Amino acid sequence: MNKYVIFDIDGTLNQTALYALEAYKKALKKRGREVKDSEIISCIGLSPAGIIEKLFHSLPDEELKEWRKDIRDCEFELMEKNAAAFPGVRESLEKLQEAGYGLAICSNAFPEHIERVLEMIGVRQYFPIIGSLLMGGSKPEVLGALLKKLGCESACMVGDRKFDIEAARENHIPVIGCAYGYAPDEISSADRVVRHAGEIAGAVMELI
């Protein structure tokens, strides 16, 4: 069997809001900005450039570097205490692995962030292959490069945002939308919609 299940991280595997809300508020406060929780949650899953665009519209390069460092430092500190996978994630990963599926990551984040998150939520061992922002400029491009690298006969994308649906559609693979994530209104067009991470394995087996 040469089948792969390709996962988004934030809002799909990782309960990002457990630490990101506080981290973003701290980093933004240093720049005189206060934002609602809903604004921060709407940024979860965006690329770093997309987050800057949404929260600041634009920033000088030097200030952008400082902001990225602030948010990274705050996130990593809070991650140590608060990071956790969604309930049911490990069970689904175990079932998929036992059934012979390969597992991979496709994320808008940088490799350093991906590695850290996977370690913190206790699922790094399931993912030998990671597709990151460095593989392309957009999520469809990252997924396309990852699929080419895998050379698999079939694959399925799993994610919680419209970017995950779009990436799967552009690369002609089925997609599972995670309604337990941070944008349940964005994933209604997915081939399957799951309301708990423990349902992922069953949905995958129906599709590929």
C-alpha atoms as a PDB file:
ATOM      1  CA  MET A   1       0.000   0.000   0.000  1.00  0.00           C
ATOM      2  CA  ASN A   2       1.364   3.409  -0.994  1.00  0.00           C
ATOM      3  CA  LYS A   3      -1.274   5.712   0.447  1.00  0.00           C
ATOM      4  CA  TYR A   4      -0.606   8.875   2.423  1.00  0.00           C
ATOM      5  CA  VAL A   5      -2.696  10.954   4.785  1.00  0.00           C
ATOM      6  CA  ILE A   6      -1.432  14.529   4.837  1.00  0.00           C
ATOM      7  CA  PHE A   7      -2.271  16.657   7.855  1.00  0.00           C
ATOM      8  CA  ASP A   8      -2.407  20.348   8.549  1.00  0.00           C
ATOM      9  CA  ILE A   9      -1.193  21.116  12.088  1.00  0.00           C
ATOM     10  CA  ASP A  10      -2.855  24.126  13.720  1.00  0.00           C
ATOM     11  CA  GLY A  11      -6.543  23.515  14.364  1.00  0.00           C
ATOM     12  CA  THR A  12      -6.255  19.957  13.034  1.00  0.00           C
ATOM     13  CA  LEU A  13      -3.723  18.189  15.259  1.00  0.00           C
ATOM     14  CA  ASN A  14      -2.759  21.024  17.593  1.00  0.00           C
ATOM     15  CA  GLN A  15      -5.046  22.957  19.973  1.00  0.00           C
ATOM     16  CA  THR A  16      -3.149  26.108  19.055  1.00  0.00           C
ATOM     17  CA  ALA A  17      -5.437  28.513  20.895  1.00  0.00           C
ATOM     18  CA  LEU A  18      -4.343  27.042  24.246  1.00  0.00           C
ATOM     19  CA  TYR A  19      -1.150  29.104  24.007  1.00  0.00           C
ATOM     20  CA  ALA A  20      -1.482  31.320  20.924  1.00  0.00           C
ATOM     21  CA  LEU A  21      -4.129  33.645  22.339  1.00  0.00           C
ATOM     22  CA  GLU A  22      -1.952  34.695  25.258  1.00  0.00           C
ATOM     23  CA  ALA A  23       1.230  34.743  23.165  1.00  0.00           C
ATOM     24  CA  TYR A  24      -0.218  37.019  20.497  1.00  0.00           C
ATOM     25  CA  LYS A  25      -1.739  39.350  23.066  1.00  0.00           C
ATOM     26  CA  LYS A  26       1.636  39.733  24.798  1.00  0.00           C
ATOM     27  CA  ALA A  27       3.485  40.369  21.538  1.00  0.00           C
ATOM     28  CA  LEU A  28       0.858  42.782  20.230  1.00  0.00           C
ATOM     29  CA  LYS A  29       0.661  44.711  23.486  1.00  0.00           C
ATOM     30  CA  LYS A  30       4.364  45.557  23.118  1.00  0.00           C
ATOM     31  CA  ARG A  31       3.382  47.322  19.901  1.00  0.00           C
ATOM     32  CA  GLY A  32       0.444  49.142  21.417  1.00  0.00           C
ATOM     33  CA  ARG A  33      -2.193  46.878  19.903  1.00  0.00           C
ATOM     34  CA  GLU A  34      -5.023  45.114  21.642  1.00  0.00           C
ATOM     35  CA  VAL A  35      -7.067  42.595  19.671  1.00  0.00           C
ATOM     36  CA  LYS A  36     -10.068  40.393  20.292  1.00  0.00           C
ATOM     37  CA  ASP A  37      -9.669  36.653  20.732  1.00  0.00           C
ATOM     38  CA  SER A  38     -11.704  36.159  17.547  1.00  0.00           C
ATOM     39  CA  GLU A  39      -9.166  38.188  15.533  1.00  0.00           C
ATOM     40  CA  ILE A  40      -6.306  36.020  16.773  1.00  0.00           C
ATOM     41  CA  ILE A  41      -8.197  32.788  16.167  1.00  0.00           C
ATOM     42  CA  SER A  42      -8.920  33.907  12.599  1.00  0.00           C
ATOM     43  CA  CYS A  43      -5.131  34.045  12.060  1.00  0.00           C
ATOM     44  CA  ILE A  44      -4.502  30.447  13.147  1.00  0.00           C
ATOM     45  CA  GLY A  45      -3.385  28.483  10.106  1.00  0.00           C
ATOM     46  CA  LEU A  46      -2.344  31.508   8.044  1.00  0.00           C
ATOM     47  CA  SER A  47       1.191  31.871   6.740  1.00  0.00           C
ATOM     48  CA  PRO A  48       3.462  34.300   8.653  1.00  0.00           C
ATOM     49  CA  ALA A  49       2.937  36.854   5.866  1.00  0.00           C
ATOM     50  CA  GLY A  50      -0.831  36.342   6.053  1.00  0.00           C
ATOM     51  CA  ILE A  51      -0.835  36.958   9.806  1.00  0.00           C
ATOM     52  CA  ILE A  52       1.108  40.211   9.399  1.00  0.00           C
ATOM     53  CA  GLU A  53      -1.260  41.340   6.656  1.00  0.00           C
ATOM     54  CA  LYS A  54      -4.328  40.594   8.788  1.00  0.00           C
ATOM     55  CA  LEU A  55      -3.099  42.167  12.026  1.00  0.00           C
ATOM     56  CA  PHE A  56      -0.914  45.033  10.807  1.00  0.00           C
ATOM     57  CA  HIS A  57      -1.494  45.403   7.040  1.00  0.00           C
ATOM     58  CA  SER A  58       2.223  46.168   6.678  1.00  0.00           C
ATOM     59  CA  LEU A  59       5.321  46.557   8.817  1.00  0.00           C
ATOM     60  CA  PRO A  60       8.851  47.818   8.104  1.00  0.00           C
ATOM     61  CA  ASP A  61      11.291  44.910   7.717  1.00  0.00           C
ATOM     62  CA  GLU A  62      13.135  45.587  10.973  1.00  0.00           C
ATOM     63  CA  GLU A  63       9.926  45.831  12.982  1.00  0.00           C
ATOM     64  CA  LEU A  64       8.632  42.687  11.282  1.00  0.00           C
ATOM     65  CA  LYS A  65      11.711  40.753  12.419  1.00  0.00           C
ATOM     66  CA  GLU A  66      11.239  42.001  15.983  1.00  0.00           C
ATOM     67  CA  TRP A  67       7.555  41.078  16.000  1.00  0.00           C
ATOM     68  CA  ARG A  68       8.258  37.585  14.678  1.00  0.00           C
ATOM     69  CA  LYS A  69      10.878  37.070  17.372  1.00  0.00           C
ATOM     70  CA  ASP A  70       8.485  38.321  20.069  1.00  0.00           C
ATOM     71  CA  ILE A  71       5.667  36.022  19.000  1.00  0.00           C
ATOM     72  CA  ARG A  72       7.996  33.045  18.572  1.00  0.00           C
ATOM     73  CA  ASP A  73       9.513  33.545  22.019  1.00  0.00           C
ATOM     74  CA  CYS A  74       6.089  33.974  23.650  1.00  0.00           C
ATOM     75  CA  GLU A  75       4.653  30.954  21.863  1.00  0.00           C
ATOM     76  CA  PHE A  76       7.557  28.666  22.695  1.00  0.00           C
ATOM     77  CA  GLU A  77       7.437  29.690  26.354  1.00  0.00           C
ATOM     78  CA  LEU A  78       3.680  29.101  26.664  1.00  0.00           C
ATOM     79  CA  MET A  79       3.805  25.947  24.543  1.00  0.00           C
ATOM     80  CA  GLU A  80       5.915  24.276  27.205  1.00  0.00           C
ATOM     81  CA  LYS A  81       3.021  24.594  29.671  1.00  0.00           C
ATOM     82  CA  ASN A  82      -0.100  24.503  27.547  1.00  0.00           C
ATOM     83  CA  ALA A  83       0.414  22.679  24.236  1.00  0.00           C
ATOM     84  CA  ALA A  84      -1.841  19.685  23.594  1.00  0.00           C
ATOM     85  CA  ALA A  85      -3.203  17.653  20.708  1.00  0.00           C
ATOM     86  CA  PHE A  86      -6.948  17.575  20.157  1.00  0.00           C
ATOM     87  CA  PRO A  87      -8.666  14.634  21.861  1.00  0.00           C
ATOM     88  CA  GLY A  88      -8.709  11.643  19.527  1.00  0.00           C
ATOM     89  CA  VAL A  89      -5.671  12.686  17.459  1.00  0.00           C
ATOM     90  CA  ARG A  90      -3.309   9.994  18.717  1.00  0.00           C
ATOM     91  CA  GLU A  91      -5.955   7.290  18.397  1.00  0.00           C
ATOM     92  CA  SER A  92      -6.572   8.187  14.744  1.00  0.00           C
ATOM     93  CA  LEU A  93      -2.858   8.352  13.959  1.00  0.00           C
ATOM     94  CA  GLU A  94      -2.334   4.937  15.555  1.00  0.00           C
ATOM     95  CA  LYS A  95      -5.193   3.398  13.553  1.00  0.00           C
ATOM     96  CA  LEU A  96      -3.935   4.863  10.287  1.00  0.00           C
ATOM     97  CA  GLN A  97      -0.381   3.731  10.932  1.00  0.00           C
ATOM     98  CA  GLU A  98      -1.534   0.227  11.855  1.00  0.00           C
ATOM     99  CA  ALA A  99      -3.607   0.088   8.656  1.00  0.00           C
ATOM    100  CA  GLY A 100      -0.484   0.830   6.601  1.00  0.00           C
ATOM    101  CA  TYR A 101      -1.047   4.458   5.667  1.00  0.00           C
ATOM    102  CA  GLY A 102       1.912   6.806   5.464  1.00  0.00           C
ATOM    103  CA  LEU A 103       1.540  10.053   7.420  1.00  0.00           C
ATOM    104  CA  ALA A 104       2.900  13.468   6.488  1.00  0.00           C
ATOM    105  CA  ILE A 105       2.511  17.145   7.415  1.00  0.00           C
ATOM    106  CA  CYS A 106       1.607  20.026   5.102  1.00  0.00           C
ATOM    107  CA  SER A 107       1.725  23.386   6.864  1.00  0.00           C
ATOM    108  CA  ASN A 108       2.031  27.115   6.163  1.00  0.00           C
ATOM    109  CA  ALA A 109       4.521  27.308   9.045  1.00  0.00           C
ATOM    110  CA  PHE A 110       8.312  27.201   9.016  1.00  0.00           C
ATOM    111  CA  PRO A 111      10.081  23.874   9.772  1.00  0.00           C
ATOM    112  CA  GLU A 112      11.341  25.020  13.189  1.00  0.00           C
ATOM    113  CA  HIS A 113       7.788  25.772  14.327  1.00  0.00           C
ATOM    114  CA  ILE A 114       6.409  22.507  12.921  1.00  0.00           C
ATOM    115  CA  GLU A 115       9.052  20.378  14.627  1.00  0.00           C
ATOM    116  CA  ARG A 116       8.546  22.151  17.947  1.00  0.00           C
ATOM    117  CA  VAL A 117       4.761  21.800  17.870  1.00  0.00           C
ATOM    118  CA  LEU A 118       4.840  18.106  16.950  1.00  0.00           C
ATOM    119  CA  GLU A 119       7.241  17.426  19.815  1.00  0.00           C
ATOM    120  CA  MET A 120       5.211  19.440  22.316  1.00  0.00           C
ATOM    121  CA  ILE A 121       1.903  17.725  21.499  1.00  0.00           C
ATOM    122  CA  GLY A 122       3.522  14.289  21.525  1.00  0.00           C
ATOM    123  CA  VAL A 123       3.028  13.151  17.915  1.00  0.00           C
ATOM    124  CA  ARG A 124       6.430  13.741  16.273  1.00  0.00           C
ATOM    125  CA  GLN A 125       7.073  10.001  15.980  1.00  0.00           C
ATOM    126  CA  TYR A 126       4.180   9.571  13.538  1.00  0.00           C
ATOM    127  CA  PHE A 127       5.488  12.033  10.948  1.00  0.00           C
ATOM    128  CA  PRO A 128       8.751  11.193   9.179  1.00  0.00           C
ATOM    129  CA  ILE A 129       7.917  13.573   6.324  1.00  0.00           C
ATOM    130  CA  ILE A 130       7.098  17.271   6.677  1.00  0.00           C
ATOM    131  CA  GLY A 131       6.065  19.763   3.999  1.00  0.00           C
ATOM    132  CA  SER A 132       6.639  23.356   5.112  1.00  0.00           C
ATOM    133  CA  LEU A 133       6.494  26.911   3.816  1.00  0.00           C
ATOM    134  CA  LEU A 134      10.030  26.427   2.468  1.00  0.00           C
ATOM    135  CA  MET A 135       8.658  24.042  -0.199  1.00  0.00           C
ATOM    136  CA  GLY A 136       6.464  26.698  -1.841  1.00  0.00           C
ATOM    137  CA  GLY A 137       4.855  30.102  -1.551  1.00  0.00           C
ATOM    138  CA  SER A 138       1.303  28.906  -0.925  1.00  0.00           C
ATOM    139  CA  LYS A 139      -0.370  25.884   0.634  1.00  0.00           C
ATOM    140  CA  PRO A 140      -1.382  24.400  -2.752  1.00  0.00           C
ATOM    141  CA  GLU A 141       2.255  24.718  -3.855  1.00  0.00           C
ATOM    142  CA  VAL A 142       3.554  23.148  -0.634  1.00  0.00           C
ATOM    143  CA  LEU A 143       1.108  20.259  -1.017  1.00  0.00           C
ATOM    144  CA  GLY A 144       2.003  19.804  -4.688  1.00  0.00           C
ATOM    145  CA  ALA A 145       5.719  19.641  -3.890  1.00  0.00           C
ATOM    146  CA  LEU A 146       5.046  17.228  -1.037  1.00  0.00           C
ATOM    147  CA  LEU A 147       2.940  14.900  -3.206  1.00  0.00           C
ATOM    148  CA  LYS A 148       5.677  14.885  -5.831  1.00  0.00           C
ATOM    149  CA  LYS A 149       8.238  13.997  -3.155  1.00  0.00           C
ATOM    150  CA  LEU A 150       6.051  11.191  -1.783  1.00  0.00           C
ATOM    151  CA  GLY A 151       5.279   9.677  -5.180  1.00  0.00           C
ATOM    152  CA  CYS A 152       2.224   7.975  -3.682  1.00  0.00           C
ATOM    153  CA  GLU A 153      -0.556   6.213  -5.568  1.00  0.00           C
ATOM    154  CA  SER A 154      -3.225   8.053  -3.578  1.00  0.00           C
ATOM    155  CA  ALA A 155      -3.449  10.633  -0.815  1.00  0.00           C
ATOM    156  CA  CYS A 156      -5.940  12.510   1.332  1.00  0.00           C
ATOM    157  CA  MET A 157      -5.621  15.946   2.960  1.00  0.00           C
ATOM    158  CA  VAL A 158      -6.925  16.643   6.479  1.00  0.00           C
ATOM    159  CA  GLY A 159      -7.386  20.234   7.671  1.00  0.00           C
ATOM    160  CA  ASP A 160      -9.610  22.824   9.311  1.00  0.00           C
ATOM    161  CA  ARG A 161      -9.331  25.881   7.037  1.00  0.00           C
ATOM    162  CA  LYS A 162     -10.377  26.853   3.531  1.00  0.00           C
ATOM    163  CA  PHE A 163      -6.684  26.849   2.531  1.00  0.00           C
ATOM    164  CA  ASP A 164      -6.606  23.101   3.189  1.00  0.00           C
ATOM    165  CA  ILE A 165      -9.691  22.535   1.024  1.00  0.00           C
ATOM    166  CA  GLU A 166      -8.253  24.703  -1.762  1.00  0.00           C
ATOM    167  CA  ALA A 167      -4.866  22.967  -1.608  1.00  0.00           C
ATOM    168  CA  ALA A 168      -6.492  19.541  -1.929  1.00  0.00           C
ATOM    169  CA  ARG A 169      -8.743  20.627  -4.799  1.00  0.00           C
ATOM    170  CA  GLU A 170      -5.857  22.188  -6.739  1.00  0.00           C
ATOM    171  CA  ASN A 171      -3.880  18.968  -6.353  1.00  0.00           C
ATOM    172  CA  HIS A 172      -6.838  16.698  -7.158  1.00  0.00           C
ATOM    173  CA  ILE A 173      -6.957  14.724  -3.927  1.00  0.00           C
ATOM    174  CA  PRO A 174      -9.870  14.225  -1.486  1.00  0.00           C
ATOM    175  CA  VAL A 175     -10.017  16.271   1.692  1.00  0.00           C
ATOM    176  CA  ILE A 176     -11.424  15.833   5.187  1.00  0.00           C
ATOM    177  CA  GLY A 177     -12.573  18.988   6.980  1.00  0.00           C
ATOM    178  CA  CYS A 178     -12.188  19.211  10.756  1.00  0.00           C
ATOM    179  CA  ALA A 179     -15.241  20.940  12.216  1.00  0.00           C
ATOM    180  CA  TYR A 180     -13.695  20.817  15.703  1.00  0.00           C
ATOM    181  CA  GLY A 181     -11.003  23.256  14.526  1.00  0.00           C
ATOM    182  CA  TYR A 182     -11.000  27.044  14.324  1.00  0.00           C
ATOM    183  CA  ALA A 183     -13.057  27.715  11.176  1.00  0.00           C
ATOM    184  CA  PRO A 184     -15.928  25.207  10.957  1.00  0.00           C
ATOM    185  CA  ASP A 185     -17.797  27.469   8.530  1.00  0.00           C
ATOM    186  CA  GLU A 186     -14.957  27.153   5.985  1.00  0.00           C
ATOM    187  CA  ILE A 187     -14.921  23.386   5.477  1.00  0.00           C
ATOM    188  CA  SER A 188     -18.469  22.470   4.425  1.00  0.00           C
ATOM    189  CA  SER A 189     -17.307  21.624   0.874  1.00  0.00           C
ATOM    190  CA  ALA A 190     -14.864  18.939   2.075  1.00  0.00           C
ATOM    191  CA  ASP A 191     -15.430  15.347   0.932  1.00  0.00           C
ATOM    192  CA  ARG A 192     -15.957  14.354   4.545  1.00  0.00           C
ATOM    193  CA  VAL A 193     -16.453  16.502   7.654  1.00  0.00           C
ATOM    194  CA  VAL A 194     -15.490  15.176  11.097  1.00  0.00           C
ATOM    195  CA  ARG A 195     -16.557  16.692  14.408  1.00  0.00           C
ATOM    196  CA  HIS A 196     -13.992  14.868  16.554  1.00  0.00           C
ATOM    197  CA  ALA A 197     -10.396  13.938  15.741  1.00  0.00           C
ATOM    198  CA  GLY A 198     -11.164  10.333  16.646  1.00  0.00           C
ATOM    199  CA  GLU A 199     -13.313  10.137  13.489  1.00  0.00           C
ATOM    200  CA  ILE A 200     -10.439  10.926  11.104  1.00  0.00           C
ATOM    201  CA  ALA A 201      -9.188   7.369  10.561  1.00  0.00           C
ATOM    202  CA  GLY A 202     -12.637   6.094   9.620  1.00  0.00           C
ATOM    203  CA  ALA A 203     -13.200   8.992   7.213  1.00  0.00           C
ATOM    204  CA  VAL A 204      -9.830   8.385   5.533  1.00  0.00           C
ATOM    205  CA  MET A 205     -10.603   4.698   5.036  1.00  0.00           C
ATOM    206  CA  GLU A 206     -13.844   5.635   3.279  1.00  0.00           C
ATOM    207  CA  LEU A 207     -11.971   7.876   0.824  1.00  0.00           C
ATOM    208  CA  ILE A 208      -8.700   6.110  -0.044  1.00  0.00           C
END
